[in-house]
């Protein structure tokens, strides 16, 4: 896969985001840990959550920020898109 097609990989892990969860602030797409920056730490937090959501829960705002591919689910594709945005290959949110 090349270019923008890479962000449309089929995600193996799917976690539904509750659309009724209110935003607790301004959305900063990719800022999973809600520290005001989008970097590799956000990818780590999201991947931990996707692996074990009970042990590594996200805040409501973190889940909203992490849902970057606009499909209403948190998946490994969101993580992949955040990685691509950190290295300046795409801009978030990304709906490819």
PDB file of N, CA and C in Angstrom:
ATOM      1  N   UNK A   1       0.837  -1.182   0.000  1.00  0.00           N
ATOM      2  CA  UNK A   1       0.000   0.000   0.000  1.00  0.00           C
ATOM      3  C   UNK A   1       0.875   1.236   0.000  1.00  0.00           C
ATOM      4  N   UNK A   2       0.434   2.263  -0.673  1.00  0.00           N
ATOM      5  CA  UNK A   2       1.199   3.488  -0.750  1.00  0.00           C
ATOM      6  C   UNK A   2       0.319   4.681  -0.453  1.00  0.00           C
ATOM      7  N   UNK A   3       0.960   5.793  -0.094  1.00  0.00           N
ATOM      8  CA  UNK A   3       0.264   7.056   0.107  1.00  0.00           C
ATOM      9  C   UNK A   3      -0.908   6.961   1.054  1.00  0.00           C
ATOM     10  N   UNK A   4      -1.998   7.606   0.669  1.00  0.00           N
ATOM     11  CA  UNK A   4      -3.162   7.684   1.539  1.00  0.00           C
ATOM     12  C   UNK A   4      -3.866   6.344   1.719  1.00  0.00           C
ATOM     13  N   UNK A   5      -3.628   5.388   0.838  1.00  0.00           N
ATOM     14  CA  UNK A   5      -4.248   4.078   0.979  1.00  0.00           C
ATOM     15  C   UNK A   5      -3.766   3.350   2.223  1.00  0.00           C
ATOM     16  N   UNK A   6      -2.586   3.688   2.733  1.00  0.00           N
ATOM     17  CA  UNK A   6      -2.022   2.986   3.879  1.00  0.00           C
ATOM     18  C   UNK A   6      -2.881   3.178   5.121  1.00  0.00           C
ATOM     19  N   UNK A   7      -3.557   4.289   5.247  1.00  0.00           N
ATOM     20  CA  UNK A   7      -4.349   4.552   6.438  1.00  0.00           C
ATOM     21  C   UNK A   7      -5.691   3.851   6.409  1.00  0.00           C
ATOM     22  N   UNK A   8      -6.010   3.169   5.357  1.00  0.00           N
ATOM     23  CA  UNK A   8      -7.283   2.493   5.258  1.00  0.00           C
ATOM     24  C   UNK A   8      -7.144   0.992   5.470  1.00  0.00           C
ATOM     25  N   UNK A   9      -6.062   0.556   6.116  1.00  0.00           N
ATOM     26  CA  UNK A   9      -5.885  -0.858   6.408  1.00  0.00           C
ATOM     27  C   UNK A   9      -7.051  -1.365   7.237  1.00  0.00           C
ATOM     28  N   UNK A  10      -7.381  -2.605   7.089  1.00  0.00           N
ATOM     29  CA  UNK A  10      -8.411  -3.217   7.907  1.00  0.00           C
ATOM     30  C   UNK A  10      -7.862  -3.403   9.311  1.00  0.00           C
ATOM     31  N   UNK A  11      -8.561  -2.890  10.269  1.00  0.00           N
ATOM     32  CA  UNK A  11      -8.106  -2.952  11.652  1.00  0.00           C
ATOM     33  C   UNK A  11      -8.550  -4.254  12.289  1.00  0.00           C
ATOM     34  N   UNK A  12      -7.641  -4.899  12.970  1.00  0.00           N
ATOM     35  CA  UNK A  12      -7.926  -6.174  13.616  1.00  0.00           C
ATOM     36  C   UNK A  12      -8.682  -5.985  14.926  1.00  0.00           C
ATOM     37  N   UNK A  13      -8.379  -4.917  15.646  1.00  0.00           N
ATOM     38  CA  UNK A  13      -9.001  -4.668  16.934  1.00  0.00           C
ATOM     39  C   UNK A  13     -10.014  -3.551  16.781  1.00  0.00           C
ATOM     40  N   UNK A  14     -11.223  -3.766  17.257  1.00  0.00           N
ATOM     41  CA  UNK A  14     -12.257  -2.758  17.144  1.00  0.00           C
ATOM     42  C   UNK A  14     -12.876  -2.502  18.504  1.00  0.00           C
ATOM     43  N   UNK A  15     -12.945  -1.250  18.882  1.00  0.00           N
ATOM     44  CA  UNK A  15     -13.605  -0.854  20.112  1.00  0.00           C
ATOM     45  C   UNK A  15     -14.556   0.270  19.765  1.00  0.00           C
ATOM     46  N   UNK A  16     -15.816   0.109  20.050  1.00  0.00           N
ATOM     47  CA  UNK A  16     -16.822   1.112  19.714  1.00  0.00           C
ATOM     48  C   UNK A  16     -16.702   2.301  20.649  1.00  0.00           C
ATOM     49  N   UNK A  17     -16.748   3.489  20.073  1.00  0.00           N
ATOM     50  CA  UNK A  17     -16.766   4.713  20.862  1.00  0.00           C
ATOM     51  C   UNK A  17     -18.221   5.101  21.059  1.00  0.00           C
ATOM     52  N   UNK A  18     -18.587   5.413  22.275  1.00  0.00           N
ATOM     53  CA  UNK A  18     -19.960   5.802  22.568  1.00  0.00           C
ATOM     54  C   UNK A  18     -20.206   7.211  22.033  1.00  0.00           C
ATOM     55  N   UNK A  19     -21.046   7.368  21.001  1.00  0.00           N
ATOM     56  CA  UNK A  19     -21.268   8.688  20.422  1.00  0.00           C
ATOM     57  C   UNK A  19     -21.987   9.644  21.364  1.00  0.00           C
ATOM     58  N   UNK A  20     -22.554   9.141  22.461  1.00  0.00           N
ATOM     59  CA  UNK A  20     -23.232  10.006  23.412  1.00  0.00           C
ATOM     60  C   UNK A  20     -22.268  10.574  24.451  1.00  0.00           C
ATOM     61  N   UNK A  21     -21.010  10.113  24.430  1.00  0.00           N
ATOM     62  CA  UNK A  21     -20.041  10.637  25.379  1.00  0.00           C
ATOM     63  C   UNK A  21     -19.762  12.096  25.043  1.00  0.00           C
ATOM     64  N   UNK A  22     -20.031  13.002  25.974  1.00  0.00           N
ATOM     65  CA  UNK A  22     -19.816  14.413  25.660  1.00  0.00           C
ATOM     66  C   UNK A  22     -18.330  14.752  25.608  1.00  0.00           C
ATOM     67  N   UNK A  23     -18.005  15.686  24.745  1.00  0.00           N
ATOM     68  CA  UNK A  23     -16.639  16.189  24.684  1.00  0.00           C
ATOM     69  C   UNK A  23     -16.403  17.015  25.939  1.00  0.00           C
ATOM     70  N   UNK A  24     -15.273  16.838  26.546  1.00  0.00           N
ATOM     71  CA  UNK A  24     -14.967  17.588  27.767  1.00  0.00           C
ATOM     72  C   UNK A  24     -14.090  18.794  27.462  1.00  0.00           C
ATOM     73  N   UNK A  25     -13.869  19.070  26.189  1.00  0.00           N
ATOM     74  CA  UNK A  25     -13.052  20.207  25.786  1.00  0.00           C
ATOM     75  C   UNK A  25     -12.929  20.237  24.278  1.00  0.00           C
ATOM     76  N   UNK A  26     -12.002  21.036  23.803  1.00  0.00           N
ATOM     77  CA  UNK A  26     -11.764  21.134  22.372  1.00  0.00           C
ATOM     78  C   UNK A  26     -11.070  19.875  21.877  1.00  0.00           C
ATOM     79  N   UNK A  27     -11.524  19.343  20.751  1.00  0.00           N
ATOM     80  CA  UNK A  27     -10.922  18.134  20.190  1.00  0.00           C
ATOM     81  C   UNK A  27      -9.574  18.479  19.574  1.00  0.00           C
ATOM     82  N   UNK A  28      -8.543  17.764  20.002  1.00  0.00           N
ATOM     83  CA  UNK A  28      -7.223  17.830  19.372  1.00  0.00           C
ATOM     84  C   UNK A  28      -6.964  16.430  18.846  1.00  0.00           C
ATOM     85  N   UNK A  29      -7.285  16.227  17.578  1.00  0.00           N
ATOM     86  CA  UNK A  29      -7.184  14.897  16.994  1.00  0.00           C
ATOM     87  C   UNK A  29      -5.790  14.311  17.185  1.00  0.00           C
ATOM     88  N   UNK A  30      -5.753  13.087  17.722  1.00  0.00           N
ATOM     89  CA  UNK A  30      -4.508  12.376  17.952  1.00  0.00           C
ATOM     90  C   UNK A  30      -3.984  12.486  19.373  1.00  0.00           C
ATOM     91  N   UNK A  31      -4.468  13.457  20.136  1.00  0.00           N
ATOM     92  CA  UNK A  31      -3.976  13.684  21.498  1.00  0.00           C
ATOM     93  C   UNK A  31      -4.674  12.748  22.483  1.00  0.00           C
ATOM     94  N   UNK A  32      -4.313  11.474  22.419  1.00  0.00           N
ATOM     95  CA  UNK A  32      -4.962  10.434  23.216  1.00  0.00           C
ATOM     96  C   UNK A  32      -4.758  10.634  24.716  1.00  0.00           C
ATOM     97  N   UNK A  33      -3.589  11.133  25.111  1.00  0.00           N
ATOM     98  CA  UNK A  33      -3.316  11.310  26.540  1.00  0.00           C
ATOM     99  C   UNK A  33      -3.677  12.709  27.045  1.00  0.00           C
ATOM    100  N   UNK A  34      -4.249  13.544  26.181  1.00  0.00           N
ATOM    101  CA  UNK A  34      -4.775  14.868  26.562  1.00  0.00           C
ATOM    102  C   UNK A  34      -3.728  15.783  27.200  1.00  0.00           C
ATOM    103  N   UNK A  35      -2.502  15.749  26.652  1.00  0.00           N
ATOM    104  CA  UNK A  35      -1.466  16.644  27.181  1.00  0.00           C
ATOM    105  C   UNK A  35      -1.249  17.867  26.299  1.00  0.00           C
ATOM    106  N   UNK A  36      -2.087  18.043  25.276  1.00  0.00           N
ATOM    107  CA  UNK A  36      -1.988  19.207  24.412  1.00  0.00           C
ATOM    108  C   UNK A  36      -1.034  19.054  23.241  1.00  0.00           C
ATOM    109  N   UNK A  37      -0.431  17.867  23.092  1.00  0.00           N
ATOM    110  CA  UNK A  37       0.500  17.597  21.996  1.00  0.00           C
ATOM    111  C   UNK A  37       0.133  16.266  21.360  1.00  0.00           C
ATOM    112  N   UNK A  38       0.470  16.127  20.076  1.00  0.00           N
ATOM    113  CA  UNK A  38       0.273  14.848  19.390  1.00  0.00           C
ATOM    114  C   UNK A  38       1.656  14.309  19.080  1.00  0.00           C
ATOM    115  N   UNK A  39       1.988  13.185  19.715  1.00  0.00           N
ATOM    116  CA  UNK A  39       3.305  12.573  19.520  1.00  0.00           C
ATOM    117  C   UNK A  39       3.208  11.063  19.736  1.00  0.00           C
ATOM    118  N   UNK A  40       4.332  10.415  19.731  1.00  0.00           N
ATOM    119  CA  UNK A  40       4.362   8.951  19.831  1.00  0.00           C
ATOM    120  C   UNK A  40       3.770   8.447  21.154  1.00  0.00           C
ATOM    121  N   UNK A  41       3.797   9.261  22.192  1.00  0.00           N
ATOM    122  CA  UNK A  41       3.200   8.856  23.467  1.00  0.00           C
ATOM    123  C   UNK A  41       1.705   8.588  23.301  1.00  0.00           C
ATOM    124  N   UNK A  42       1.053   9.342  22.425  1.00  0.00           N
ATOM    125  CA  UNK A  42      -0.373   9.127  22.181  1.00  0.00           C
ATOM    126  C   UNK A  42      -0.627   7.781  21.518  1.00  0.00           C
ATOM    127  N   UNK A  43       0.267   7.375  20.641  1.00  0.00           N
ATOM    128  CA  UNK A  43       0.168   6.067  19.986  1.00  0.00           C
ATOM    129  C   UNK A  43       0.318   4.959  21.021  1.00  0.00           C
ATOM    130  N   UNK A  44       1.277   5.110  21.919  1.00  0.00           N
ATOM    131  CA  UNK A  44       1.507   4.106  22.961  1.00  0.00           C
ATOM    132  C   UNK A  44       0.260   3.962  23.845  1.00  0.00           C
ATOM    133  N   UNK A  45      -0.302   5.086  24.270  1.00  0.00           N
ATOM    134  CA  UNK A  45      -1.491   5.057  25.122  1.00  0.00           C
ATOM    135  C   UNK A  45      -2.657   4.382  24.398  1.00  0.00           C
ATOM    136  N   UNK A  46      -2.868   4.745  23.134  1.00  0.00           N
ATOM    137  CA  UNK A  46      -3.959   4.144  22.374  1.00  0.00           C
ATOM    138  C   UNK A  46      -3.743   2.646  22.178  1.00  0.00           C
ATOM    139  N   UNK A  47      -2.524   2.245  21.850  1.00  0.00           N
ATOM    140  CA  UNK A  47      -2.250   0.815  21.647  1.00  0.00           C
ATOM    141  C   UNK A  47      -2.444   0.021  22.939  1.00  0.00           C
ATOM    142  N   UNK A  48      -2.053   0.585  24.071  1.00  0.00           N
ATOM    143  CA  UNK A  48      -2.280  -0.092  25.343  1.00  0.00           C
ATOM    144  C   UNK A  48      -3.784  -0.266  25.580  1.00  0.00           C
ATOM    145  N   UNK A  49      -4.534   0.791  25.308  1.00  0.00           N
ATOM    146  CA  UNK A  49      -5.989   0.723  25.464  1.00  0.00           C
ATOM    147  C   UNK A  49      -6.590  -0.346  24.550  1.00  0.00           C
ATOM    148  N   UNK A  50      -6.173  -0.356  23.290  1.00  0.00           N
ATOM    149  CA  UNK A  50      -6.725  -1.326  22.345  1.00  0.00           C
ATOM    150  C   UNK A  50      -6.406  -2.760  22.748  1.00  0.00           C
ATOM    151  N   UNK A  51      -5.271  -2.957  23.405  1.00  0.00           N
ATOM    152  CA  UNK A  51      -4.865  -4.283  23.850  1.00  0.00           C
ATOM    153  C   UNK A  51      -5.621  -4.721  25.095  1.00  0.00           C
ATOM    154  N   UNK A  52      -5.827  -3.790  26.028  1.00  0.00           N
ATOM    155  CA  UNK A  52      -6.467  -4.139  27.293  1.00  0.00           C
ATOM    156  C   UNK A  52      -7.199  -2.916  27.858  1.00  0.00           C
ATOM    157  N   UNK A  53      -8.423  -2.653  27.374  1.00  0.00           N
ATOM    158  CA  UNK A  53      -9.138  -1.450  27.803  1.00  0.00           C
ATOM    159  C   UNK A  53      -9.486  -1.409  29.291  1.00  0.00           C
ATOM    160  N   UNK A  54      -9.628  -2.557  29.924  1.00  0.00           N
ATOM    161  CA  UNK A  54      -9.924  -2.556  31.360  1.00  0.00           C
ATOM    162  C   UNK A  54      -8.709  -2.096  32.170  1.00  0.00           C
ATOM    163  N   UNK A  55      -7.536  -2.537  31.768  1.00  0.00           N
ATOM    164  CA  UNK A  55      -6.321  -2.185  32.491  1.00  0.00           C
ATOM    165  C   UNK A  55      -5.818  -0.788  32.133  1.00  0.00           C
ATOM    166  N   UNK A  56      -6.039  -0.367  30.869  1.00  0.00           N
ATOM    167  CA  UNK A  56      -5.534   0.924  30.388  1.00  0.00           C
ATOM    168  C   UNK A  56      -6.674   1.754  29.802  1.00  0.00           C
ATOM    169  N   UNK A  57      -7.591   2.232  30.646  1.00  0.00           N
ATOM    170  CA  UNK A  57      -8.732   2.988  30.128  1.00  0.00           C
ATOM    171  C   UNK A  57      -8.315   4.364  29.602  1.00  0.00           C
ATOM    172  N   UNK A  58      -9.105   4.877  28.669  1.00  0.00           N
ATOM    173  CA  UNK A  58      -8.921   6.234  28.184  1.00  0.00           C
ATOM    174  C   UNK A  58      -9.934   7.134  28.865  1.00  0.00           C
ATOM    175  N   UNK A  59      -9.605   8.405  28.978  1.00  0.00           N
ATOM    176  CA  UNK A  59     -10.602   9.367  29.435  1.00  0.00           C
ATOM    177  C   UNK A  59     -11.604   9.570  28.302  1.00  0.00           C
ATOM    178  N   UNK A  60     -12.746  10.148  28.620  1.00  0.00           N
ATOM    179  CA  UNK A  60     -13.738  10.430  27.578  1.00  0.00           C
ATOM    180  C   UNK A  60     -13.129  11.317  26.497  1.00  0.00           C
ATOM    181  N   UNK A  61     -12.395  12.344  26.903  1.00  0.00           N
ATOM    182  CA  UNK A  61     -11.768  13.242  25.924  1.00  0.00           C
ATOM    183  C   UNK A  61     -10.672  12.522  25.153  1.00  0.00           C
ATOM    184  N   UNK A  62      -9.914  11.655  25.814  1.00  0.00           N
ATOM    185  CA  UNK A  62      -8.874  10.886  25.138  1.00  0.00           C
ATOM    186  C   UNK A  62      -9.449  10.007  24.040  1.00  0.00           C
ATOM    187  N   UNK A  63     -10.598   9.398  24.304  1.00  0.00           N
ATOM    188  CA  UNK A  63     -11.251   8.555  23.293  1.00  0.00           C
ATOM    189  C   UNK A  63     -11.739   9.391  22.123  1.00  0.00           C
ATOM    190  N   UNK A  64     -12.281  10.560  22.400  1.00  0.00           N
ATOM    191  CA  UNK A  64     -12.743  11.455  21.338  1.00  0.00           C
ATOM    192  C   UNK A  64     -11.557  11.897  20.484  1.00  0.00           C
ATOM    193  N   UNK A  65     -10.470  12.292  21.127  1.00  0.00           N
ATOM    194  CA  UNK A  65      -9.269  12.743  20.410  1.00  0.00           C
ATOM    195  C   UNK A  65      -8.637  11.625  19.594  1.00  0.00           C
ATOM    196  N   UNK A  66      -8.705  10.398  20.095  1.00  0.00           N
ATOM    197  CA  UNK A  66      -8.050   9.258  19.444  1.00  0.00           C
ATOM    198  C   UNK A  66      -8.785   8.778  18.203  1.00  0.00           C
ATOM    199  N   UNK A  67     -10.056   9.084  18.066  1.00  0.00           N
ATOM    200  CA  UNK A  67     -10.847   8.598  16.938  1.00  0.00           C
ATOM    201  C   UNK A  67     -10.596   9.500  15.723  1.00  0.00           C
ATOM    202  N   UNK A  68      -9.459   9.281  15.067  1.00  0.00           N
ATOM    203  CA  UNK A  68      -8.971  10.201  14.038  1.00  0.00           C
ATOM    204  C   UNK A  68      -9.387   9.850  12.617  1.00  0.00           C
ATOM    205  N   UNK A  69      -9.877   8.632  12.369  1.00  0.00           N
ATOM    206  CA  UNK A  69     -10.262   8.280  11.004  1.00  0.00           C
ATOM    207  C   UNK A  69     -11.770   8.427  10.773  1.00  0.00           C
ATOM    208  N   UNK A  70     -12.457   8.977  11.765  1.00  0.00           N
ATOM    209  CA  UNK A  70     -13.864   9.378  11.665  1.00  0.00           C
ATOM    210  C   UNK A  70     -14.813   8.249  11.275  1.00  0.00           C
ATOM    211  N   UNK A  71     -14.535   7.038  11.797  1.00  0.00           N
ATOM    212  CA  UNK A  71     -15.433   5.913  11.541  1.00  0.00           C
ATOM    213  C   UNK A  71     -16.225   5.518  12.793  1.00  0.00           C
ATOM    214  N   UNK A  72     -16.159   6.331  13.838  1.00  0.00           N
ATOM    215  CA  UNK A  72     -16.879   6.099  15.098  1.00  0.00           C
ATOM    216  C   UNK A  72     -16.440   4.863  15.854  1.00  0.00           C
ATOM    217  N   UNK A  73     -15.219   4.366  15.597  1.00  0.00           N
ATOM    218  CA  UNK A  73     -14.658   3.224  16.328  1.00  0.00           C
ATOM    219  C   UNK A  73     -13.191   3.521  16.614  1.00  0.00           C
ATOM    220  N   UNK A  74     -12.722   3.057  17.747  1.00  0.00           N
ATOM    221  CA  UNK A  74     -11.286   3.099  18.023  1.00  0.00           C
ATOM    222  C   UNK A  74     -10.684   1.780  17.575  1.00  0.00           C
ATOM    223  N   UNK A  75      -9.749   1.862  16.639  1.00  0.00           N
ATOM    224  CA  UNK A  75      -9.130   0.663  16.087  1.00  0.00           C
ATOM    225  C   UNK A  75      -7.641   0.913  15.900  1.00  0.00           C
ATOM    226  N   UNK A  76      -6.956  -0.125  15.471  1.00  0.00           N
ATOM    227  CA  UNK A  76      -5.535   0.026  15.172  1.00  0.00           C
ATOM    228  C   UNK A  76      -5.316   0.991  14.015  1.00  0.00           C
ATOM    229  N   UNK A  77      -6.320   1.192  13.180  1.00  0.00           N
ATOM    230  CA  UNK A  77      -6.185   2.166  12.097  1.00  0.00           C
ATOM    231  C   UNK A  77      -6.037   3.583  12.647  1.00  0.00           C
ATOM    232  N   UNK A  78      -6.727   3.900  13.741  1.00  0.00           N
ATOM    233  CA  UNK A  78      -6.558   5.206  14.368  1.00  0.00           C
ATOM    234  C   UNK A  78      -5.115   5.379  14.835  1.00  0.00           C
ATOM    235  N   UNK A  79      -4.566   4.350  15.435  1.00  0.00           N
ATOM    236  CA  UNK A  79      -3.173   4.381  15.883  1.00  0.00           C
ATOM    237  C   UNK A  79      -2.229   4.606  14.700  1.00  0.00           C
ATOM    238  N   UNK A  80      -2.468   3.874  13.641  1.00  0.00           N
ATOM    239  CA  UNK A  80      -1.639   3.994  12.448  1.00  0.00           C
ATOM    240  C   UNK A  80      -1.713   5.400  11.853  1.00  0.00           C
ATOM    241  N   UNK A  81      -2.895   5.970  11.832  1.00  0.00           N
ATOM    242  CA  UNK A  81      -3.053   7.330  11.317  1.00  0.00           C
ATOM    243  C   UNK A  81      -2.329   8.351  12.191  1.00  0.00           C
ATOM    244  N   UNK A  82      -2.373   8.160  13.504  1.00  0.00           N
ATOM    245  CA  UNK A  82      -1.649   9.077  14.397  1.00  0.00           C
ATOM    246  C   UNK A  82      -0.151   8.988  14.126  1.00  0.00           C
ATOM    247  N   UNK A  83       0.372   7.783  13.968  1.00  0.00           N
ATOM    248  CA  UNK A  83       1.796   7.619  13.639  1.00  0.00           C
ATOM    249  C   UNK A  83       2.112   8.387  12.364  1.00  0.00           C
ATOM    250  N   UNK A  84       1.302   8.210  11.345  1.00  0.00           N
ATOM    251  CA  UNK A  84       1.542   8.891  10.055  1.00  0.00           C
ATOM    252  C   UNK A  84       1.479  10.398  10.198  1.00  0.00           C
ATOM    253  N   UNK A  85       0.622  10.897  11.093  1.00  0.00           N
ATOM    254  CA  UNK A  85       0.543  12.345  11.283  1.00  0.00           C
ATOM    255  C   UNK A  85       1.764  12.881  12.021  1.00  0.00           C
ATOM    256  N   UNK A  86       2.289  12.089  12.953  1.00  0.00           N
ATOM    257  CA  UNK A  86       3.483  12.512  13.706  1.00  0.00           C
ATOM    258  C   UNK A  86       4.672  12.717  12.767  1.00  0.00           C
ATOM    259  N   UNK A  87       4.778  11.877  11.737  1.00  0.00           N
ATOM    260  CA  UNK A  87       5.886  12.009  10.781  1.00  0.00           C
ATOM    261  C   UNK A  87       5.482  12.866   9.573  1.00  0.00           C
ATOM    262  N   UNK A  88       4.364  13.592   9.724  1.00  0.00           N
ATOM    263  CA  UNK A  88       3.916  14.584   8.742  1.00  0.00           C
ATOM    264  C   UNK A  88       3.528  14.008   7.379  1.00  0.00           C
ATOM    265  N   UNK A  89       3.009  12.775   7.348  1.00  0.00           N
ATOM    266  CA  UNK A  89       2.543  12.192   6.091  1.00  0.00           C
ATOM    267  C   UNK A  89       1.073  12.492   5.822  1.00  0.00           C
ATOM    268  N   UNK A  90       0.304  12.712   6.881  1.00  0.00           N
ATOM    269  CA  UNK A  90      -1.110  13.050   6.744  1.00  0.00           C
ATOM    270  C   UNK A  90      -1.460  14.105   7.782  1.00  0.00           C
ATOM    271  N   UNK A  91      -2.632  14.694   7.624  1.00  0.00           N
ATOM    272  CA  UNK A  91      -3.174  15.659   8.580  1.00  0.00           C
ATOM    273  C   UNK A  91      -4.402  15.032   9.217  1.00  0.00           C
ATOM    274  N   UNK A  92      -4.551  15.228  10.518  1.00  0.00           N
ATOM    275  CA  UNK A  92      -5.693  14.687  11.249  1.00  0.00           C
ATOM    276  C   UNK A  92      -6.783  15.745  11.394  1.00  0.00           C
ATOM    277  N   UNK A  93      -8.056  15.368  11.376  1.00  0.00           N
ATOM    278  CA  UNK A  93      -8.538  14.007  11.190  1.00  0.00           C
ATOM    279  C   UNK A  93      -8.312  13.559   9.757  1.00  0.00           C
ATOM    280  N   UNK A  94      -8.277  12.248   9.578  1.00  0.00           N
ATOM    281  CA  UNK A  94      -7.987  11.673   8.261  1.00  0.00           C
ATOM    282  C   UNK A  94      -9.102  10.753   7.837  1.00  0.00           C
ATOM    283  N   UNK A  95      -9.804  11.136   6.816  1.00  0.00           N
ATOM    284  CA  UNK A  95     -10.841  10.267   6.249  1.00  0.00           C
ATOM    285  C   UNK A  95     -10.443  10.011   4.816  1.00  0.00           C
ATOM    286  N   UNK A  96      -9.732   8.897   4.594  1.00  0.00           N
ATOM    287  CA  UNK A  96      -9.133   8.619   3.292  1.00  0.00           C
ATOM    288  C   UNK A  96      -9.923   7.871   2.335  1.00  0.00           C
TER     289      UNK A  96
END
